[in-house]
C-alpha atoms as a PDB file:
ATOM      1  CA  UNK A   1     -67.968 -85.676 -33.735  1.00  0.00           C
ATOM      2  CA  UNK A   2     -66.435 -83.924 -36.701  1.00  0.00           C
ATOM      3  CA  UNK A   3     -62.804 -82.875 -35.963  1.00  0.00           C
ATOM      4  CA  UNK A   4     -63.611 -79.314 -37.041  1.00  0.00           C
ATOM      5  CA  UNK A   5     -65.905 -78.990 -34.015  1.00  0.00           C
ATOM      6  CA  UNK A   6     -62.906 -79.189 -31.692  1.00  0.00           C
ATOM      7  CA  UNK A   7     -59.926 -76.935 -31.129  1.00  0.00           C
ATOM      8  CA  UNK A   8     -57.595 -79.614 -29.740  1.00  0.00           C
ATOM      9  CA  UNK A   9     -56.946 -83.352 -29.735  1.00  0.00           C
ATOM     10  CA  UNK A  10     -57.440 -83.742 -25.989  1.00  0.00           C
ATOM     11  CA  UNK A  11     -61.116 -82.790 -26.221  1.00  0.00           C
ATOM     12  CA  UNK A  12     -61.535 -84.930 -29.330  1.00  0.00           C
ATOM     13  CA  UNK A  13     -60.118 -88.117 -27.791  1.00  0.00           C
ATOM     14  CA  UNK A  14     -62.041 -87.565 -24.564  1.00  0.00           C
ATOM     15  CA  UNK A  15     -65.269 -87.297 -26.539  1.00  0.00           C
ATOM     16  CA  UNK A  16     -64.430 -90.493 -28.421  1.00  0.00           C
ATOM     17  CA  UNK A  17     -63.662 -92.257 -25.128  1.00  0.00           C
ATOM     18  CA  UNK A  18     -67.041 -91.192 -23.758  1.00  0.00           C
ATOM     19  CA  UNK A  19     -69.211 -91.912 -26.791  1.00  0.00           C
ATOM     20  CA  UNK A  20     -67.295 -94.757 -28.500  1.00  0.00           C
ATOM     21  CA  UNK A  21     -65.513 -96.258 -25.503  1.00  0.00           C
ATOM     22  CA  UNK A  22     -65.267 -99.864 -26.691  1.00  0.00           C
ATOM     23  CA  UNK A  23     -64.665 -99.160 -30.368  1.00  0.00           C
ATOM     24  CA  UNK A  24     -61.172 -99.700 -31.744  1.00  0.00           C
ATOM     25  CA  UNK A  25     -59.074 -96.563 -32.065  1.00  0.00           C
ATOM     26  CA  UNK A  26     -55.794 -98.128 -33.273  1.00  0.00           C
ATOM     27  CA  UNK A  27     -54.661-101.567 -34.386  1.00  0.00           C
ATOM     28  CA  UNK A  28     -50.983-102.442 -34.841  1.00  0.00           C
ATOM     29  CA  UNK A  29     -50.109-104.907 -37.594  1.00  0.00           C
ATOM     30  CA  UNK A  30     -46.633-106.182 -36.806  1.00  0.00           C
ATOM     31  CA  UNK A  31     -45.878-107.358 -40.343  1.00  0.00           C
ATOM     32  CA  UNK A  32     -48.497-105.381 -42.193  1.00  0.00           C
ATOM     33  CA  UNK A  33     -51.050-108.205 -41.960  1.00  0.00           C
ATOM     34  CA  UNK A  34     -50.916-109.913 -38.550  1.00  0.00           C
ATOM     35  CA  UNK A  35     -52.613-108.062 -35.713  1.00  0.00           C
ATOM     36  CA  UNK A  36     -50.314-107.690 -32.712  1.00  0.00           C
ATOM     37  CA  UNK A  37     -52.284-105.316 -30.489  1.00  0.00           C
ATOM     38  CA  UNK A  38     -55.178-102.887 -30.438  1.00  0.00           C
ATOM     39  CA  UNK A  39     -56.443-100.009 -28.326  1.00  0.00           C
ATOM     40  CA  UNK A  40     -60.019 -98.913 -27.825  1.00  0.00           C
ATOM     41  CA  UNK A  41     -60.793 -95.245 -27.397  1.00  0.00           C
ATOM     42  CA  UNK A  42     -61.358 -95.773 -23.669  1.00  0.00           C
ATOM     43  CA  UNK A  43     -58.069 -97.642 -23.263  1.00  0.00           C
ATOM     44  CA  UNK A  44     -56.143 -94.969 -25.144  1.00  0.00           C
ATOM     45  CA  UNK A  45     -57.719 -92.211 -23.067  1.00  0.00           C
ATOM     46  CA  UNK A  46     -56.891 -94.065 -19.836  1.00  0.00           C
ATOM     47  CA  UNK A  47     -53.275 -94.689 -20.857  1.00  0.00           C
ATOM     48  CA  UNK A  48     -52.869 -91.084 -22.002  1.00  0.00           C
ATOM     49  CA  UNK A  49     -54.122 -89.814 -18.633  1.00  0.00           C
ATOM     50  CA  UNK A  50     -51.748 -92.114 -16.745  1.00  0.00           C
ATOM     51  CA  UNK A  51     -48.786 -90.988 -18.814  1.00  0.00           C
ATOM     52  CA  UNK A  52     -49.787 -87.333 -18.517  1.00  0.00           C
ATOM     53  CA  UNK A  53     -49.958 -87.642 -14.722  1.00  0.00           C
ATOM     54  CA  UNK A  54     -46.423 -89.005 -14.665  1.00  0.00           C
ATOM     55  CA  UNK A  55     -45.213 -86.208 -16.932  1.00  0.00           C
ATOM     56  CA  UNK A  56     -46.923 -83.589 -14.762  1.00  0.00           C
ATOM     57  CA  UNK A  57     -45.046 -84.908 -11.726  1.00  0.00           C
ATOM     58  CA  UNK A  58     -41.821 -84.154 -13.592  1.00  0.00           C
ATOM     59  CA  UNK A  59     -42.824 -80.619 -14.554  1.00  0.00           C
ATOM     60  CA  UNK A  60     -43.184 -81.377 -18.249  1.00  0.00           C
ATOM     61  CA  UNK A  61     -45.947 -78.860 -19.026  1.00  0.00           C
ATOM     62  CA  UNK A  62     -44.854 -76.750 -22.042  1.00  0.00           C
ATOM     63  CA  UNK A  63     -41.549 -78.643 -22.044  1.00  0.00           C
ATOM     64  CA  UNK A  64     -40.230 -80.975 -24.733  1.00  0.00           C
ATOM     65  CA  UNK A  65     -40.574 -84.736 -24.204  1.00  0.00           C
ATOM     66  CA  UNK A  66     -38.462 -87.110 -26.281  1.00  0.00           C
ATOM     67  CA  UNK A  67     -40.371 -90.146 -27.570  1.00  0.00           C
ATOM     68  CA  UNK A  68     -38.000 -93.100 -27.999  1.00  0.00           C
ATOM     69  CA  UNK A  69     -40.109 -95.910 -29.424  1.00  0.00           C
ATOM     70  CA  UNK A  70     -39.964 -98.664 -31.963  1.00  0.00           C
ATOM     71  CA  UNK A  71     -43.171 -98.979 -34.052  1.00  0.00           C
ATOM     72  CA  UNK A  72     -46.168 -99.973 -31.931  1.00  0.00           C
ATOM     73  CA  UNK A  73     -49.090 -98.722 -29.873  1.00  0.00           C
ATOM     74  CA  UNK A  74     -46.892 -97.597 -26.979  1.00  0.00           C
ATOM     75  CA  UNK A  75     -45.796 -94.744 -29.220  1.00  0.00           C
ATOM     76  CA  UNK A  76     -49.429 -93.737 -29.799  1.00  0.00           C
ATOM     77  CA  UNK A  77     -50.115 -93.794 -26.057  1.00  0.00           C
ATOM     78  CA  UNK A  78     -46.970 -91.790 -25.358  1.00  0.00           C
ATOM     79  CA  UNK A  79     -47.859 -89.195 -27.966  1.00  0.00           C
ATOM     80  CA  UNK A  80     -51.353 -88.663 -26.563  1.00  0.00           C
ATOM     81  CA  UNK A  81     -49.889 -88.665 -23.050  1.00  0.00           C
ATOM     82  CA  UNK A  82     -47.829 -85.637 -24.059  1.00  0.00           C
ATOM     83  CA  UNK A  83     -50.908 -83.901 -25.451  1.00  0.00           C
ATOM     84  CA  UNK A  84     -52.830 -84.622 -22.236  1.00  0.00           C
ATOM     85  CA  UNK A  85     -49.972 -83.117 -20.214  1.00  0.00           C
ATOM     86  CA  UNK A  86     -49.685 -80.065 -22.463  1.00  0.00           C
ATOM     87  CA  UNK A  87     -46.142 -81.172 -23.194  1.00  0.00           C
ATOM     88  CA  UNK A  88     -44.445 -80.956 -26.590  1.00  0.00           C
ATOM     89  CA  UNK A  89     -43.784 -84.383 -28.087  1.00  0.00           C
ATOM     90  CA  UNK A  90     -40.494 -84.911 -29.956  1.00  0.00           C
ATOM     91  CA  UNK A  91     -40.725 -88.248 -31.806  1.00  0.00           C
ATOM     92  CA  UNK A  92     -37.559 -90.038 -32.917  1.00  0.00           C
ATOM     93  CA  UNK A  93     -36.166 -93.534 -33.264  1.00  0.00           C
ATOM     94  CA  UNK A  94     -33.973 -95.020 -30.499  1.00  0.00           C
ATOM     95  CA  UNK A  95     -30.200 -94.887 -31.043  1.00  0.00           C
ATOM     96  CA  UNK A  96     -28.757 -97.450 -33.420  1.00  0.00           C
ATOM     97  CA  UNK A  97     -25.994 -99.512 -31.893  1.00  0.00           C
ATOM     98  CA  UNK A  98     -22.579 -98.675 -33.349  1.00  0.00           C
ATOM     99  CA  UNK A  99     -24.040 -96.998 -36.424  1.00  0.00           C
ATOM    100  CA  UNK A 100     -23.746 -93.323 -35.551  1.00  0.00           C
ATOM    101  CA  UNK A 101     -26.547 -91.177 -34.188  1.00  0.00           C
ATOM    102  CA  UNK A 102     -25.791 -87.686 -35.423  1.00  0.00           C
ATOM    103  CA  UNK A 103     -29.481 -86.972 -36.139  1.00  0.00           C
ATOM    104  CA  UNK A 104     -30.528 -87.885 -32.599  1.00  0.00           C
ATOM    105  CA  UNK A 105     -27.676 -85.842 -31.130  1.00  0.00           C
ATOM    106  CA  UNK A 106     -28.754 -82.822 -33.183  1.00  0.00           C
ATOM    107  CA  UNK A 107     -32.378 -83.228 -32.069  1.00  0.00           C
ATOM    108  CA  UNK A 108     -31.314 -83.438 -28.421  1.00  0.00           C
ATOM    109  CA  UNK A 109     -29.232 -80.276 -28.754  1.00  0.00           C
ATOM    110  CA  UNK A 110     -32.056 -78.408 -30.477  1.00  0.00           C
ATOM    111  CA  UNK A 111     -35.093 -79.573 -28.491  1.00  0.00           C
ATOM    112  CA  UNK A 112     -33.449 -79.866 -25.056  1.00  0.00           C
ATOM    113  CA  UNK A 113     -36.080 -82.329 -23.760  1.00  0.00           C
ATOM    114  CA  UNK A 114     -36.938 -82.534 -20.092  1.00  0.00           C
ATOM    115  CA  UNK A 115     -38.105 -86.176 -20.012  1.00  0.00           C
ATOM    116  CA  UNK A 116     -37.841 -89.316 -22.148  1.00  0.00           C
ATOM    117  CA  UNK A 117     -40.811 -91.597 -22.804  1.00  0.00           C
ATOM    118  CA  UNK A 118     -40.003 -95.145 -23.889  1.00  0.00           C
ATOM    119  CA  UNK A 119     -40.843 -98.811 -23.218  1.00  0.00           C
ATOM    120  CA  UNK A 120     -39.621-101.213 -20.544  1.00  0.00           C
ATOM    121  CA  UNK A 121     -37.704-103.168 -23.206  1.00  0.00           C
ATOM    122  CA  UNK A 122     -35.685-100.099 -24.186  1.00  0.00           C
ATOM    123  CA  UNK A 123     -35.364 -98.948 -20.587  1.00  0.00           C
ATOM    124  CA  UNK A 124     -33.684-102.274 -19.784  1.00  0.00           C
ATOM    125  CA  UNK A 125     -31.033-101.363 -22.369  1.00  0.00           C
ATOM    126  CA  UNK A 126     -30.602 -97.842 -21.038  1.00  0.00           C
ATOM    127  CA  UNK A 127     -26.909 -98.229 -20.220  1.00  0.00           C
ATOM    128  CA  UNK A 128     -26.033 -99.422 -23.712  1.00  0.00           C
ATOM    129  CA  UNK A 129     -28.284 -96.806 -25.308  1.00  0.00           C
ATOM    130  CA  UNK A 130     -26.661 -94.012 -23.324  1.00  0.00           C
ATOM    131  CA  UNK A 131     -23.226 -95.189 -24.390  1.00  0.00           C
ATOM    132  CA  UNK A 132     -24.321 -94.603 -27.975  1.00  0.00           C
ATOM    133  CA  UNK A 133     -25.879 -91.209 -27.126  1.00  0.00           C
ATOM    134  CA  UNK A 134     -24.420 -89.881 -23.830  1.00  0.00           C
ATOM    135  CA  UNK A 135     -26.756 -86.866 -23.828  1.00  0.00           C
ATOM    136  CA  UNK A 136     -29.604 -89.233 -22.935  1.00  0.00           C
ATOM    137  CA  UNK A 137     -27.974 -90.259 -19.659  1.00  0.00           C
ATOM    138  CA  UNK A 138     -28.839 -87.132 -17.706  1.00  0.00           C
ATOM    139  CA  UNK A 139     -32.582 -87.259 -18.404  1.00  0.00           C
ATOM    140  CA  UNK A 140     -35.330 -89.097 -16.481  1.00  0.00           C
ATOM    141  CA  UNK A 141     -36.819 -92.026 -18.406  1.00  0.00           C
ATOM    142  CA  UNK A 142     -40.436 -93.204 -18.134  1.00  0.00           C
ATOM    143  CA  UNK A 143     -41.493 -96.619 -19.462  1.00  0.00           C
ATOM    144  CA  UNK A 144     -45.094 -96.046 -20.505  1.00  0.00           C
ATOM    145  CA  UNK A 145     -45.967 -99.761 -20.407  1.00  0.00           C
ATOM    146  CA  UNK A 146     -45.007 -99.963 -16.725  1.00  0.00           C
ATOM    147  CA  UNK A 147     -47.378 -97.239 -15.513  1.00  0.00           C
ATOM    148  CA  UNK A 148     -50.367 -98.375 -13.453  1.00  0.00           C
ATOM    149  CA  UNK A 149     -53.860 -97.633 -14.744  1.00  0.00           C
ATOM    150  CA  UNK A 150     -54.655 -96.080 -11.361  1.00  0.00           C
ATOM    151  CA  UNK A 151     -52.375 -93.164 -12.262  1.00  0.00           C
ATOM    152  CA  UNK A 152     -55.014 -92.088 -14.778  1.00  0.00           C
ATOM    153  CA  UNK A 153     -57.261 -91.029 -11.894  1.00  0.00           C
ATOM    154  CA  UNK A 154     -54.658 -88.481 -10.810  1.00  0.00           C
ATOM    155  CA  UNK A 155     -54.776 -86.635 -14.122  1.00  0.00           C
ATOM    156  CA  UNK A 156     -55.811 -83.002 -14.057  1.00  0.00           C
ATOM    157  CA  UNK A 157     -56.540 -81.448 -17.410  1.00  0.00           C
ATOM    158  CA  UNK A 158     -54.042 -78.636 -18.027  1.00  0.00           C
ATOM    159  CA  UNK A 159     -55.560 -75.241 -18.728  1.00  0.00           C
ATOM    160  CA  UNK A 160     -55.121 -73.355 -21.938  1.00  0.00           C
ATOM    161  CA  UNK A 161     -54.974 -76.236 -24.408  1.00  0.00           C
ATOM    162  CA  UNK A 162     -56.374 -74.869 -27.670  1.00  0.00           C
ATOM    163  CA  UNK A 163     -55.743 -74.771 -31.405  1.00  0.00           C
ATOM    164  CA  UNK A 164     -52.561 -72.747 -30.985  1.00  0.00           C
ATOM    165  CA  UNK A 165     -50.999 -75.052 -28.396  1.00  0.00           C
ATOM    166  CA  UNK A 166     -47.928 -76.848 -29.734  1.00  0.00           C
ATOM    167  CA  UNK A 167     -48.531 -80.588 -30.104  1.00  0.00           C
ATOM    168  CA  UNK A 168     -45.149 -81.782 -31.325  1.00  0.00           C
ATOM    169  CA  UNK A 169     -41.902 -80.953 -33.104  1.00  0.00           C
ATOM    170  CA  UNK A 170     -41.370 -82.771 -36.401  1.00  0.00           C
ATOM    171  CA  UNK A 171     -37.682 -82.896 -37.288  1.00  0.00           C
ATOM    172  CA  UNK A 172     -36.409 -83.251 -40.831  1.00  0.00           C
ATOM    173  CA  UNK A 173     -34.396 -86.334 -41.785  1.00  0.00           C
ATOM    174  CA  UNK A 174     -31.020 -84.641 -41.527  1.00  0.00           C
ATOM    175  CA  UNK A 175     -29.854 -86.390 -44.683  1.00  0.00           C
ATOM    176  CA  UNK A 176     -28.753 -83.179 -46.393  1.00  0.00           C
ATOM    177  CA  UNK A 177     -28.236 -80.826 -43.427  1.00  0.00           C
ATOM    178  CA  UNK A 178     -28.641 -80.584 -39.668  1.00  0.00           C
ATOM    179  CA  UNK A 179     -32.195 -81.676 -38.710  1.00  0.00           C
ATOM    180  CA  UNK A 180     -34.586 -78.767 -38.386  1.00  0.00           C
ATOM    181  CA  UNK A 181     -37.684 -78.847 -36.201  1.00  0.00           C
ATOM    182  CA  UNK A 182     -41.093 -77.864 -37.544  1.00  0.00           C
ATOM    183  CA  UNK A 183     -43.620 -76.710 -34.937  1.00  0.00           C
ATOM    184  CA  UNK A 184     -47.005 -78.460 -35.336  1.00  0.00           C
ATOM    185  CA  UNK A 185     -49.987 -77.268 -33.284  1.00  0.00           C
ATOM    186  CA  UNK A 186     -53.236 -78.967 -32.316  1.00  0.00           C
ATOM    187  CA  UNK A 187     -54.965 -76.740 -34.864  1.00  0.00           C
ATOM    188  CA  UNK A 188     -52.542 -77.818 -37.594  1.00  0.00           C
ATOM    189  CA  UNK A 189     -53.257 -81.496 -36.909  1.00  0.00           C
ATOM    190  CA  UNK A 190     -57.022 -81.052 -36.812  1.00  0.00           C
ATOM    191  CA  UNK A 191     -56.989 -79.023 -40.030  1.00  0.00           C
ATOM    192  CA  UNK A 192     -54.971 -81.759 -41.717  1.00  0.00           C
ATOM    193  CA  UNK A 193     -57.387 -84.429 -40.491  1.00  0.00           C
ATOM    194  CA  UNK A 194     -60.334 -82.430 -41.811  1.00  0.00           C
ATOM    195  CA  UNK A 195     -58.623 -82.064 -45.195  1.00  0.00           C
ATOM    196  CA  UNK A 196     -58.058 -85.847 -45.333  1.00  0.00           C
ATOM    197  CA  UNK A 197     -61.681 -86.501 -44.327  1.00  0.00           C
ATOM    198  CA  UNK A 198     -63.015 -84.289 -47.092  1.00  0.00           C
ATOM    199  CA  UNK A 199     -60.616 -85.605 -49.743  1.00  0.00           C
ATOM    200  CA  UNK A 200     -61.103 -89.302 -48.924  1.00  0.00           C
ATOM    201  CA  UNK A 201     -64.775 -88.987 -47.914  1.00  0.00           C
ATOM    202  CA  UNK A 202     -64.340 -91.352 -44.991  1.00  0.00           C
ATOM    203  CA  UNK A 203     -66.563 -91.629 -41.937  1.00  0.00           C
ATOM    204  CA  UNK A 204     -66.533 -93.337 -38.512  1.00  0.00           C
ATOM    205  CA  UNK A 205     -66.690 -96.772 -40.205  1.00  0.00           C
ATOM    206  CA  UNK A 206     -63.561 -96.230 -42.295  1.00  0.00           C
ATOM    207  CA  UNK A 207     -60.211 -97.900 -41.549  1.00  0.00           C
ATOM    208  CA  UNK A 208     -57.010 -96.036 -42.345  1.00  0.00           C
ATOM    209  CA  UNK A 209     -53.380 -97.165 -42.500  1.00  0.00           C
END
């Protein structure tokens, strides 16, 4: 199950979900010490398929999807949901109330996302959020924590997902100039993971922060 044996993260997570279904994939420590939530490989795969099905219904294949999340496992599920839908994830923080959101506005203008993934807590504040960043108002929002597990059964694996498929756009901070997006592919991510594995000499029993 070495990452270098795979060309994309969809195949890798699906293998983990099949062979290590009940093992923990991610744990979220709310304050750096206290466990708030965890996801097994099977749970992450199921949530990713449910999210991907919802994205497919909205024609998100090969389109950009804005990820508006505070830190937590919903972000992880949303990110993998994009990969499972062959959509391009665009991670960013939600708008800050009355503090200016020039970076988010620049990302929206550059990426031109088709859909927004978020949580029910942020969706409940949609009106206030859109007042801070009006460009968000015209886009459909999906709360990933409100999707039914049954939606996972509707997932159809998109064709053509390989090492060259774009996984996400990583935007610069925008602190010195307009944020610029860097294209990161599945192959880029897997190569980076393999480099970390070799450098740190970790295995399937290792925990990483």
